[in-house]
Amino acid sequence: MKAVIMYDSAYGNTKSVAEAIAAGLEKSRTVPVSQFHSSDLSIGDLLVVGSPINGWRPTETQPMPFYVKGTEGPLLEGEIKRASSWSYELSASVKAFASRKGTP
């Protein structure tokens, strides 16, 4: 299984968070939403989507469980570390699910 972190970023903050998440996931890469193609994924791959919010609405899709509070302006101290930590939790959850299903 590989992970694809697709993101849209108006000021670079969401890109930074996407890169931090990718750093915590094995076999992962980031891709801007404008460059994403469905052929980038295979059955069983993990897709993480990140989007900034404009007018309290995401630019491309509905928000996922991890989001950055205080989204206007630069990222708050610790947000990148929190994103990276979340990616390790996500990786562990995916591995646990795969082991219950008997897949590598």
PDB file of N, CA and C in Angstrom:
ATOM      1  N   MET A   1       0.843  -1.179   0.000  1.00  0.00           N
ATOM      2  CA  MET A   1       0.000   0.000   0.000  1.00  0.00           C
ATOM      3  C   MET A   1       0.883   1.236   0.000  1.00  0.00           C
ATOM      4  N   LYS A   2       0.472   2.203  -0.776  1.00  0.00           N
ATOM      5  CA  LYS A   2       1.142   3.502  -0.748  1.00  0.00           C
ATOM      6  C   LYS A   2       0.112   4.548  -0.332  1.00  0.00           C
ATOM      7  N   ALA A   3       0.618   5.702   0.058  1.00  0.00           N
ATOM      8  CA  ALA A   3      -0.258   6.803   0.450  1.00  0.00           C
ATOM      9  C   ALA A   3      -0.008   7.972  -0.486  1.00  0.00           C
ATOM     10  N   VAL A   4      -1.096   8.589  -0.916  1.00  0.00           N
ATOM     11  CA  VAL A   4      -1.026   9.800  -1.723  1.00  0.00           C
ATOM     12  C   VAL A   4      -1.704  10.897  -0.920  1.00  0.00           C
ATOM     13  N   ILE A   5      -0.967  11.973  -0.664  1.00  0.00           N
ATOM     14  CA  ILE A   5      -1.516  13.110   0.053  1.00  0.00           C
ATOM     15  C   ILE A   5      -1.773  14.198  -0.982  1.00  0.00           C
ATOM     16  N   MET A   6      -3.037  14.373  -1.326  1.00  0.00           N
ATOM     17  CA  MET A   6      -3.455  15.365  -2.312  1.00  0.00           C
ATOM     18  C   MET A   6      -3.861  16.624  -1.548  1.00  0.00           C
ATOM     19  N   TYR A   7      -3.410  17.768  -2.020  1.00  0.00           N
ATOM     20  CA  TYR A   7      -3.704  18.995  -1.292  1.00  0.00           C
ATOM     21  C   TYR A   7      -3.938  20.158  -2.250  1.00  0.00           C
ATOM     22  N   ASP A   8      -4.604  21.158  -1.733  1.00  0.00           N
ATOM     23  CA  ASP A   8      -4.718  22.449  -2.383  1.00  0.00           C
ATOM     24  C   ASP A   8      -4.188  23.445  -1.369  1.00  0.00           C
ATOM     25  N   SER A   9      -3.419  24.413  -1.805  1.00  0.00           N
ATOM     26  CA  SER A   9      -2.808  25.340  -0.857  1.00  0.00           C
ATOM     27  C   SER A   9      -2.778  26.742  -1.444  1.00  0.00           C
ATOM     28  N   ALA A  10      -3.425  27.662  -0.773  1.00  0.00           N
ATOM     29  CA  ALA A  10      -3.465  29.044  -1.257  1.00  0.00           C
ATOM     30  C   ALA A  10      -2.195  29.807  -0.882  1.00  0.00           C
ATOM     31  N   TYR A  11      -1.693  29.604   0.328  1.00  0.00           N
ATOM     32  CA  TYR A  11      -0.540  30.364   0.813  1.00  0.00           C
ATOM     33  C   TYR A  11       0.632  29.484   1.228  1.00  0.00           C
ATOM     34  N   GLY A  12       0.545  28.169   0.991  1.00  0.00           N
ATOM     35  CA  GLY A  12       1.638  27.266   1.338  1.00  0.00           C
ATOM     36  C   GLY A  12       1.468  26.550   2.657  1.00  0.00           C
ATOM     37  N   ASN A  13       0.503  26.962   3.478  1.00  0.00           N
ATOM     38  CA  ASN A  13       0.310  26.309   4.773  1.00  0.00           C
ATOM     39  C   ASN A  13      -0.170  24.871   4.614  1.00  0.00           C
ATOM     40  N   THR A  14      -1.154  24.655   3.764  1.00  0.00           N
ATOM     41  CA  THR A  14      -1.686  23.298   3.578  1.00  0.00           C
ATOM     42  C   THR A  14      -0.628  22.403   2.936  1.00  0.00           C
ATOM     43  N   LYS A  15       0.190  22.950   2.054  1.00  0.00           N
ATOM     44  CA  LYS A  15       1.292  22.185   1.468  1.00  0.00           C
ATOM     45  C   LYS A  15       2.254  21.737   2.563  1.00  0.00           C
ATOM     46  N   SER A  16       2.584  22.617   3.497  1.00  0.00           N
ATOM     47  CA  SER A  16       3.480  22.262   4.605  1.00  0.00           C
ATOM     48  C   SER A  16       2.897  21.148   5.456  1.00  0.00           C
ATOM     49  N   VAL A  17       1.602  21.233   5.738  1.00  0.00           N
ATOM     50  CA  VAL A  17       0.935  20.187   6.522  1.00  0.00           C
ATOM     51  C   VAL A  17       0.947  18.872   5.744  1.00  0.00           C
ATOM     52  N   ALA A  18       0.656  18.910   4.438  1.00  0.00           N
ATOM     53  CA  ALA A  18       0.666  17.709   3.605  1.00  0.00           C
ATOM     54  C   ALA A  18       2.042  17.050   3.613  1.00  0.00           C
ATOM     55  N   GLU A  19       3.084  17.845   3.515  1.00  0.00           N
ATOM     56  CA  GLU A  19       4.449  17.306   3.529  1.00  0.00           C
ATOM     57  C   GLU A  19       4.786  16.687   4.880  1.00  0.00           C
ATOM     58  N   ALA A  20       4.299  17.278   5.966  1.00  0.00           N
ATOM     59  CA  ALA A  20       4.529  16.718   7.303  1.00  0.00           C
ATOM     60  C   ALA A  20       3.807  15.386   7.459  1.00  0.00           C
ATOM     61  N   ILE A  21       2.605  15.292   6.927  1.00  0.00           N
ATOM     62  CA  ILE A  21       1.858  14.036   6.982  1.00  0.00           C
ATOM     63  C   ILE A  21       2.582  12.977   6.154  1.00  0.00           C
ATOM     64  N   ALA A  22       3.037  13.345   4.971  1.00  0.00           N
ATOM     65  CA  ALA A  22       3.749  12.392   4.106  1.00  0.00           C
ATOM     66  C   ALA A  22       5.012  11.864   4.784  1.00  0.00           C
ATOM     67  N   ALA A  23       5.680  12.716   5.538  1.00  0.00           N
ATOM     68  CA  ALA A  23       6.906  12.300   6.216  1.00  0.00           C
ATOM     69  C   ALA A  23       6.655  11.193   7.232  1.00  0.00           C
ATOM     70  N   GLY A  24       5.434  11.131   7.772  1.00  0.00           N
ATOM     71  CA  GLY A  24       5.112  10.111   8.763  1.00  0.00           C
ATOM     72  C   GLY A  24       4.503   8.847   8.193  1.00  0.00           C
ATOM     73  N   LEU A  25       4.266   8.812   6.906  1.00  0.00           N
ATOM     74  CA  LEU A  25       3.664   7.643   6.269  1.00  0.00           C
ATOM     75  C   LEU A  25       4.686   6.965   5.358  1.00  0.00           C
ATOM     76  N   GLU A  26       4.724   5.648   5.411  1.00  0.00           N
ATOM     77  CA  GLU A  26       5.614   4.905   4.527  1.00  0.00           C
ATOM     78  C   GLU A  26       5.096   4.969   3.093  1.00  0.00           C
ATOM     79  N   LYS A  27       6.007   4.942   2.132  1.00  0.00           N
ATOM     80  CA  LYS A  27       5.647   4.909   0.711  1.00  0.00           C
ATOM     81  C   LYS A  27       4.600   5.971   0.380  1.00  0.00           C
ATOM     82  N   SER A  28       4.918   7.210   0.667  1.00  0.00           N
ATOM     83  CA  SER A  28       3.938   8.267   0.438  1.00  0.00           C
ATOM     84  C   SER A  28       4.533   9.366  -0.418  1.00  0.00           C
ATOM     85  N   ARG A  29       3.628  10.150  -1.003  1.00  0.00           N
ATOM     86  CA  ARG A  29       4.050  11.325  -1.759  1.00  0.00           C
ATOM     87  C   ARG A  29       2.930  12.345  -1.713  1.00  0.00           C
ATOM     88  N   THR A  30       3.302  13.592  -1.927  1.00  0.00           N
ATOM     89  CA  THR A  30       2.311  14.656  -1.989  1.00  0.00           C
ATOM     90  C   THR A  30       2.091  15.035  -3.443  1.00  0.00           C
ATOM     91  N   VAL A  31       0.886  15.490  -3.728  1.00  0.00           N
ATOM     92  CA  VAL A  31       0.560  15.942  -5.085  1.00  0.00           C
ATOM     93  C   VAL A  31      -0.488  17.052  -4.997  1.00  0.00           C
ATOM     94  N   PRO A  32      -0.238  18.181  -5.665  1.00  0.00           N
ATOM     95  CA  PRO A  32      -1.259  19.235  -5.687  1.00  0.00           C
ATOM     96  C   PRO A  32      -2.521  18.722  -6.383  1.00  0.00           C
ATOM     97  N   VAL A  33      -3.674  19.180  -5.941  1.00  0.00           N
ATOM     98  CA  VAL A  33      -4.940  18.709  -6.496  1.00  0.00           C
ATOM     99  C   VAL A  33      -4.993  18.923  -8.015  1.00  0.00           C
ATOM    100  N   SER A  34      -4.365  19.986  -8.492  1.00  0.00           N
ATOM    101  CA  SER A  34      -4.390  20.267  -9.929  1.00  0.00           C
ATOM    102  C   SER A  34      -3.576  19.266 -10.746  1.00  0.00           C
ATOM    103  N   GLN A  35      -2.697  18.505 -10.081  1.00  0.00           N
ATOM    104  CA  GLN A  35      -1.864  17.525 -10.778  1.00  0.00           C
ATOM    105  C   GLN A  35      -2.268  16.085 -10.468  1.00  0.00           C
ATOM    106  N   PHE A  36      -3.315  15.917  -9.667  1.00  0.00           N
ATOM    107  CA  PHE A  36      -3.749  14.570  -9.285  1.00  0.00           C
ATOM    108  C   PHE A  36      -4.545  13.921 -10.411  1.00  0.00           C
ATOM    109  N   HIS A  37      -4.260  12.643 -10.630  1.00  0.00           N
ATOM    110  CA  HIS A  37      -5.012  11.836 -11.588  1.00  0.00           C
ATOM    111  C   HIS A  37      -5.434  10.554 -10.885  1.00  0.00           C
ATOM    112  N   SER A  38      -6.618  10.076 -11.159  1.00  0.00           N
ATOM    113  CA  SER A  38      -7.089   8.857 -10.497  1.00  0.00           C
ATOM    114  C   SER A  38      -6.149   7.685 -10.759  1.00  0.00           C
ATOM    115  N   SER A  39      -5.400   7.734 -11.837  1.00  0.00           N
ATOM    116  CA  SER A  39      -4.446   6.658 -12.129  1.00  0.00           C
ATOM    117  C   SER A  39      -3.274   6.661 -11.145  1.00  0.00           C
ATOM    118  N   ASP A  40      -3.164   7.716 -10.313  1.00  0.00           N
ATOM    119  CA  ASP A  40      -2.125   7.762  -9.282  1.00  0.00           C
ATOM    120  C   ASP A  40      -2.402   6.768  -8.163  1.00  0.00           C
ATOM    121  N   LEU A  41      -3.626   6.243  -8.096  1.00  0.00           N
ATOM    122  CA  LEU A  41      -4.032   5.335  -7.022  1.00  0.00           C
ATOM    123  C   LEU A  41      -4.280   3.932  -7.545  1.00  0.00           C
ATOM    124  N   SER A  42      -4.021   2.973  -6.686  1.00  0.00           N
ATOM    125  CA  SER A  42      -4.358   1.578  -6.945  1.00  0.00           C
ATOM    126  C   SER A  42      -5.316   1.120  -5.852  1.00  0.00           C
ATOM    127  N   ILE A  43      -5.982   0.008  -6.063  1.00  0.00           N
ATOM    128  CA  ILE A  43      -6.870  -0.539  -5.040  1.00  0.00           C
ATOM    129  C   ILE A  43      -6.056  -0.782  -3.774  1.00  0.00           C
ATOM    130  N   GLY A  44      -6.559  -0.302  -2.662  1.00  0.00           N
ATOM    131  CA  GLY A  44      -5.896  -0.484  -1.380  1.00  0.00           C
ATOM    132  C   GLY A  44      -4.985   0.662  -0.977  1.00  0.00           C
ATOM    133  N   ASP A  45      -4.746   1.612  -1.861  1.00  0.00           N
ATOM    134  CA  ASP A  45      -3.929   2.769  -1.506  1.00  0.00           C
ATOM    135  C   ASP A  45      -4.703   3.696  -0.574  1.00  0.00           C
ATOM    136  N   LEU A  46      -3.965   4.466   0.190  1.00  0.00           N
ATOM    137  CA  LEU A  46      -4.553   5.440   1.104  1.00  0.00           C
ATOM    138  C   LEU A  46      -4.518   6.810   0.442  1.00  0.00           C
ATOM    139  N   LEU A  47      -5.638   7.495   0.441  1.00  0.00           N
ATOM    140  CA  LEU A  47      -5.712   8.855  -0.085  1.00  0.00           C
ATOM    141  C   LEU A  47      -6.053   9.796   1.059  1.00  0.00           C
ATOM    142  N   VAL A  48      -5.176  10.777   1.287  1.00  0.00           N
ATOM    143  CA  VAL A  48      -5.410  11.812   2.284  1.00  0.00           C
ATOM    144  C   VAL A  48      -5.599  13.116   1.510  1.00  0.00           C
ATOM    145  N   VAL A  49      -6.652  13.856   1.834  1.00  0.00           N
ATOM    146  CA  VAL A  49      -6.957  15.095   1.114  1.00  0.00           C
ATOM    147  C   VAL A  49      -6.875  16.269   2.082  1.00  0.00           C
ATOM    148  N   GLY A  50      -6.129  17.299   1.683  1.00  0.00           N
ATOM    149  CA  GLY A  50      -6.010  18.498   2.495  1.00  0.00           C
ATOM    150  C   GLY A  50      -6.410  19.719   1.692  1.00  0.00           C
ATOM    151  N   SER A  51      -7.122  20.625   2.336  1.00  0.00           N
ATOM    152  CA  SER A  51      -7.587  21.816   1.640  1.00  0.00           C
ATOM    153  C   SER A  51      -7.608  22.994   2.596  1.00  0.00           C
ATOM    154  N   PRO A  52      -7.227  24.166   2.109  1.00  0.00           N
ATOM    155  CA  PRO A  52      -7.447  25.354   2.924  1.00  0.00           C
ATOM    156  C   PRO A  52      -8.941  25.667   2.935  1.00  0.00           C
ATOM    157  N   ILE A  53      -9.323  26.593   3.750  1.00  0.00           N
ATOM    158  CA  ILE A  53     -10.723  27.006   3.724  1.00  0.00           C
ATOM    159  C   ILE A  53     -10.792  28.456   3.277  1.00  0.00           C
ATOM    160  N   ASN A  54     -11.762  28.731   2.471  1.00  0.00           N
ATOM    161  CA  ASN A  54     -12.034  30.085   2.008  1.00  0.00           C
ATOM    162  C   ASN A  54     -13.482  30.378   2.348  1.00  0.00           C
ATOM    163  N   GLY A  55     -13.709  31.382   3.152  1.00  0.00           N
ATOM    164  CA  GLY A  55     -15.076  31.670   3.591  1.00  0.00           C
ATOM    165  C   GLY A  55     -15.653  30.519   4.400  1.00  0.00           C
ATOM    166  N   TRP A  56     -14.792  29.852   5.165  1.00  0.00           N
ATOM    167  CA  TRP A  56     -15.147  28.711   6.006  1.00  0.00           C
ATOM    168  C   TRP A  56     -15.602  27.507   5.196  1.00  0.00           C
ATOM    169  N   ARG A  57     -15.250  27.459   3.932  1.00  0.00           N
ATOM    170  CA  ARG A  57     -15.541  26.300   3.084  1.00  0.00           C
ATOM    171  C   ARG A  57     -14.242  25.852   2.433  1.00  0.00           C
ATOM    172  N   PRO A  58     -14.034  24.530   2.334  1.00  0.00           N
ATOM    173  CA  PRO A  58     -12.817  24.050   1.666  1.00  0.00           C
ATOM    174  C   PRO A  58     -12.851  24.401   0.180  1.00  0.00           C
ATOM    175  N   THR A  59     -11.686  24.480  -0.426  1.00  0.00           N
ATOM    176  CA  THR A  59     -11.629  24.870  -1.829  1.00  0.00           C
ATOM    177  C   THR A  59     -12.088  23.764  -2.768  1.00  0.00           C
ATOM    178  N   GLU A  60     -11.862  22.494  -2.412  1.00  0.00           N
ATOM    179  CA  GLU A  60     -12.168  21.399  -3.330  1.00  0.00           C
ATOM    180  C   GLU A  60     -13.070  20.313  -2.752  1.00  0.00           C
ATOM    181  N   THR A  61     -12.993  20.021  -1.476  1.00  0.00           N
ATOM    182  CA  THR A  61     -13.694  18.868  -0.907  1.00  0.00           C
ATOM    183  C   THR A  61     -14.067  19.128   0.544  1.00  0.00           C
ATOM    184  N   GLN A  62     -14.781  18.229   1.163  1.00  0.00           N
ATOM    185  CA  GLN A  62     -15.133  18.359   2.569  1.00  0.00           C
ATOM    186  C   GLN A  62     -13.909  18.113   3.443  1.00  0.00           C
ATOM    187  N   PRO A  63     -13.773  18.832   4.568  1.00  0.00           N
ATOM    188  CA  PRO A  63     -12.595  18.644   5.424  1.00  0.00           C
ATOM    189  C   PRO A  63     -12.562  17.269   6.070  1.00  0.00           C
ATOM    190  N   MET A  64     -11.369  16.791   6.350  1.00  0.00           N
ATOM    191  CA  MET A  64     -11.152  15.496   6.990  1.00  0.00           C
ATOM    192  C   MET A  64     -10.901  15.731   8.484  1.00  0.00           C
ATOM    193  N   PRO A  65     -10.670  14.652   9.255  1.00  0.00           N
ATOM    194  CA  PRO A  65     -10.539  14.804  10.701  1.00  0.00           C
ATOM    195  C   PRO A  65      -9.425  15.743  11.167  1.00  0.00           C
ATOM    196  N   PHE A  66      -8.332  15.878  10.431  1.00  0.00           N
ATOM    197  CA  PHE A  66      -7.266  16.778  10.865  1.00  0.00           C
ATOM    198  C   PHE A  66      -7.434  18.115  10.172  1.00  0.00           C
ATOM    199  N   TYR A  67      -7.455  19.165  10.921  1.00  0.00           N
ATOM    200  CA  TYR A  67      -7.487  20.491  10.310  1.00  0.00           C
ATOM    201  C   TYR A  67      -6.708  21.447  11.201  1.00  0.00           C
ATOM    202  N   VAL A  68      -6.261  22.517  10.626  1.00  0.00           N
ATOM    203  CA  VAL A  68      -5.466  23.501  11.352  1.00  0.00           C
ATOM    204  C   VAL A  68      -6.391  24.602  11.844  1.00  0.00           C
ATOM    205  N   LYS A  69      -6.404  24.815  13.148  1.00  0.00           N
ATOM    206  CA  LYS A  69      -7.212  25.891  13.715  1.00  0.00           C
ATOM    207  C   LYS A  69      -6.508  27.221  13.497  1.00  0.00           C
ATOM    208  N   GLY A  70      -7.263  28.283  13.388  1.00  0.00           N
ATOM    209  CA  GLY A  70      -6.672  29.595  13.165  1.00  0.00           C
ATOM    210  C   GLY A  70      -6.035  29.647  11.788  1.00  0.00           C
ATOM    211  N   THR A  71      -6.817  29.387  10.772  1.00  0.00           N
ATOM    212  CA  THR A  71      -6.276  29.153   9.440  1.00  0.00           C
ATOM    213  C   THR A  71      -5.875  30.394   8.677  1.00  0.00           C
ATOM    214  N   GLU A  72      -6.207  31.549   9.144  1.00  0.00           N
ATOM    215  CA  GLU A  72      -5.823  32.748   8.408  1.00  0.00           C
ATOM    216  C   GLU A  72      -4.441  33.177   8.858  1.00  0.00           C
ATOM    217  N   GLY A  73      -3.554  33.326   7.894  1.00  0.00           N
ATOM    218  CA  GLY A  73      -2.191  33.722   8.211  1.00  0.00           C
ATOM    219  C   GLY A  73      -1.296  32.512   8.391  1.00  0.00           C
ATOM    220  N   PRO A  74      -0.122  32.726   8.966  1.00  0.00           N
ATOM    221  CA  PRO A  74       0.837  31.626   9.098  1.00  0.00           C
ATOM    222  C   PRO A  74       0.326  30.527  10.033  1.00  0.00           C
ATOM    223  N   LEU A  75       0.892  29.354   9.870  1.00  0.00           N
ATOM    224  CA  LEU A  75       0.537  28.241  10.753  1.00  0.00           C
ATOM    225  C   LEU A  75       0.926  28.571  12.192  1.00  0.00           C
ATOM    226  N   LEU A  76       0.145  28.065  13.107  1.00  0.00           N
ATOM    227  CA  LEU A  76       0.447  28.254  14.517  1.00  0.00           C
ATOM    228  C   LEU A  76       1.609  27.359  14.916  1.00  0.00           C
ATOM    229  N   GLU A  77       2.324  27.753  15.940  1.00  0.00           N
ATOM    230  CA  GLU A  77       3.434  26.943  16.427  1.00  0.00           C
ATOM    231  C   GLU A  77       2.928  25.551  16.801  1.00  0.00           C
ATOM    232  N   GLY A  78       3.618  24.542  16.349  1.00  0.00           N
ATOM    233  CA  GLY A  78       3.266  23.169  16.674  1.00  0.00           C
ATOM    234  C   GLY A  78       2.341  22.484  15.685  1.00  0.00           C
ATOM    235  N   GLU A  79       1.774  23.224  14.731  1.00  0.00           N
ATOM    236  CA  GLU A  79       0.822  22.623  13.792  1.00  0.00           C
ATOM    237  C   GLU A  79       1.492  21.580  12.887  1.00  0.00           C
ATOM    238  N   ILE A  80       2.705  21.851  12.415  1.00  0.00           N
ATOM    239  CA  ILE A  80       3.404  20.886  11.561  1.00  0.00           C
ATOM    240  C   ILE A  80       3.709  19.618  12.358  1.00  0.00           C
ATOM    241  N   LYS A  81       4.148  19.773  13.585  1.00  0.00           N
ATOM    242  CA  LYS A  81       4.416  18.604  14.437  1.00  0.00           C
ATOM    243  C   LYS A  81       3.127  17.820  14.677  1.00  0.00           C
ATOM    244  N   ARG A  82       2.037  18.518  14.875  1.00  0.00           N
ATOM    245  CA  ARG A  82       0.747  17.849  15.103  1.00  0.00           C
ATOM    246  C   ARG A  82       0.321  17.076  13.856  1.00  0.00           C
ATOM    247  N   ALA A  83       0.554  17.643  12.678  1.00  0.00           N
ATOM    248  CA  ALA A  83       0.228  16.950  11.426  1.00  0.00           C
ATOM    249  C   ALA A  83       1.066  15.697  11.274  1.00  0.00           C
ATOM    250  N   SER A  84       2.340  15.813  11.593  1.00  0.00           N
ATOM    251  CA  SER A  84       3.228  14.658  11.501  1.00  0.00           C
ATOM    252  C   SER A  84       2.798  13.563  12.481  1.00  0.00           C
ATOM    253  N   SER A  85       2.459  13.954  13.706  1.00  0.00           N
ATOM    254  CA  SER A  85       1.980  12.982  14.697  1.00  0.00           C
ATOM    255  C   SER A  85       0.707  12.295  14.227  1.00  0.00           C
ATOM    256  N   TRP A  86      -0.192  13.080  13.642  1.00  0.00           N
ATOM    257  CA  TRP A  86      -1.441  12.513  13.131  1.00  0.00           C
ATOM    258  C   TRP A  86      -1.158  11.473  12.058  1.00  0.00           C
ATOM    259  N   SER A  87      -0.132  11.707  11.233  1.00  0.00           N
ATOM    260  CA  SER A  87       0.175  10.753  10.166  1.00  0.00           C
ATOM    261  C   SER A  87       0.640   9.421  10.744  1.00  0.00           C
ATOM    262  N   TYR A  88       1.374   9.451  11.860  1.00  0.00           N
ATOM    263  CA  TYR A  88       1.793   8.196  12.494  1.00  0.00           C
ATOM    264  C   TYR A  88       0.579   7.444  13.050  1.00  0.00           C
ATOM    265  N   GLU A  89      -0.359   8.176  13.641  1.00  0.00           N
ATOM    266  CA  GLU A  89      -1.590   7.546  14.122  1.00  0.00           C
ATOM    267  C   GLU A  89      -2.373   6.940  12.957  1.00  0.00           C
ATOM    268  N   LEU A  90      -2.451   7.686  11.855  1.00  0.00           N
ATOM    269  CA  LEU A  90      -3.154   7.208  10.671  1.00  0.00           C
ATOM    270  C   LEU A  90      -2.494   5.949  10.128  1.00  0.00           C
ATOM    271  N   SER A  91      -1.180   5.947  10.059  1.00  0.00           N
ATOM    272  CA  SER A  91      -0.444   4.785   9.568  1.00  0.00           C
ATOM    273  C   SER A  91      -0.705   3.562  10.438  1.00  0.00           C
ATOM    274  N   ALA A  92      -0.683   3.746  11.746  1.00  0.00           N
ATOM    275  CA  ALA A  92      -0.951   2.634  12.669  1.00  0.00           C
ATOM    276  C   ALA A  92      -2.371   2.102  12.493  1.00  0.00           C
ATOM    277  N   SER A  93      -3.336   3.000  12.300  1.00  0.00           N
ATOM    278  CA  SER A  93      -4.724   2.574  12.093  1.00  0.00           C
ATOM    279  C   SER A  93      -4.876   1.774  10.808  1.00  0.00           C
ATOM    280  N   VAL A  94      -4.227   2.240   9.750  1.00  0.00           N
ATOM    281  CA  VAL A  94      -4.300   1.537   8.467  1.00  0.00           C
ATOM    282  C   VAL A  94      -3.656   0.156   8.582  1.00  0.00           C
ATOM    283  N   LYS A  95      -2.513   0.080   9.246  1.00  0.00           N
ATOM    284  CA  LYS A  95      -1.839  -1.217   9.424  1.00  0.00           C
ATOM    285  C   LYS A  95      -2.694  -2.172  10.254  1.00  0.00           C
ATOM    286  N   ALA A  96      -3.322  -1.665  11.302  1.00  0.00           N
ATOM    287  CA  ALA A  96      -4.182  -2.506  12.140  1.00  0.00           C
ATOM    288  C   ALA A  96      -5.373  -3.013  11.334  1.00  0.00           C
ATOM    289  N   PHE A  97      -5.960  -2.142  10.533  1.00  0.00           N
ATOM    290  CA  PHE A  97      -7.081  -2.548   9.695  1.00  0.00           C
ATOM    291  C   PHE A  97      -6.643  -3.615   8.697  1.00  0.00           C
ATOM    292  N   ALA A  98      -5.494  -3.405   8.062  1.00  0.00           N
ATOM    293  CA  ALA A  98      -4.983  -4.368   7.076  1.00  0.00           C
ATOM    294  C   ALA A  98      -4.698  -5.709   7.708  1.00  0.00           C
ATOM    295  N   SER A  99      -4.163  -5.717   8.934  1.00  0.00           N
ATOM    296  CA  SER A  99      -3.857  -6.985   9.581  1.00  0.00           C
ATOM    297  C   SER A  99      -5.133  -7.736   9.950  1.00  0.00           C
ATOM    298  N   ARG A 100      -6.195  -7.009  10.292  1.00  0.00           N
ATOM    299  CA  ARG A 100      -7.476  -7.671  10.581  1.00  0.00           C
ATOM    300  C   ARG A 100      -8.066  -8.277   9.315  1.00  0.00           C
ATOM    301  N   LYS A 101      -7.807  -7.629   8.177  1.00  0.00           N
ATOM    302  CA  LYS A 101      -8.327  -8.107   6.890  1.00  0.00           C
ATOM    303  C   LYS A 101      -7.397  -9.125   6.232  1.00  0.00           C
ATOM    304  N   GLY A 102      -6.195  -9.301   6.811  1.00  0.00           N
ATOM    305  CA  GLY A 102      -5.249 -10.262   6.263  1.00  0.00           C
ATOM    306  C   GLY A 102      -4.515  -9.791   5.039  1.00  0.00           C
ATOM    307  N   THR A 103      -4.353  -8.460   4.891  1.00  0.00           N
ATOM    308  CA  THR A 103      -3.630  -7.918   3.746  1.00  0.00           C
ATOM    309  C   THR A 103      -2.329  -7.294   4.229  1.00  0.00           C
ATOM    310  N   PRO A 104      -1.301  -7.273   3.374  1.00  0.00           N
ATOM    311  CA  PRO A 104      -0.007  -6.700   3.798  1.00  0.00           C
ATOM    312  C   PRO A 104      -0.043  -5.191   3.922  1.00  0.00           C
TER     313      PRO A 104
END
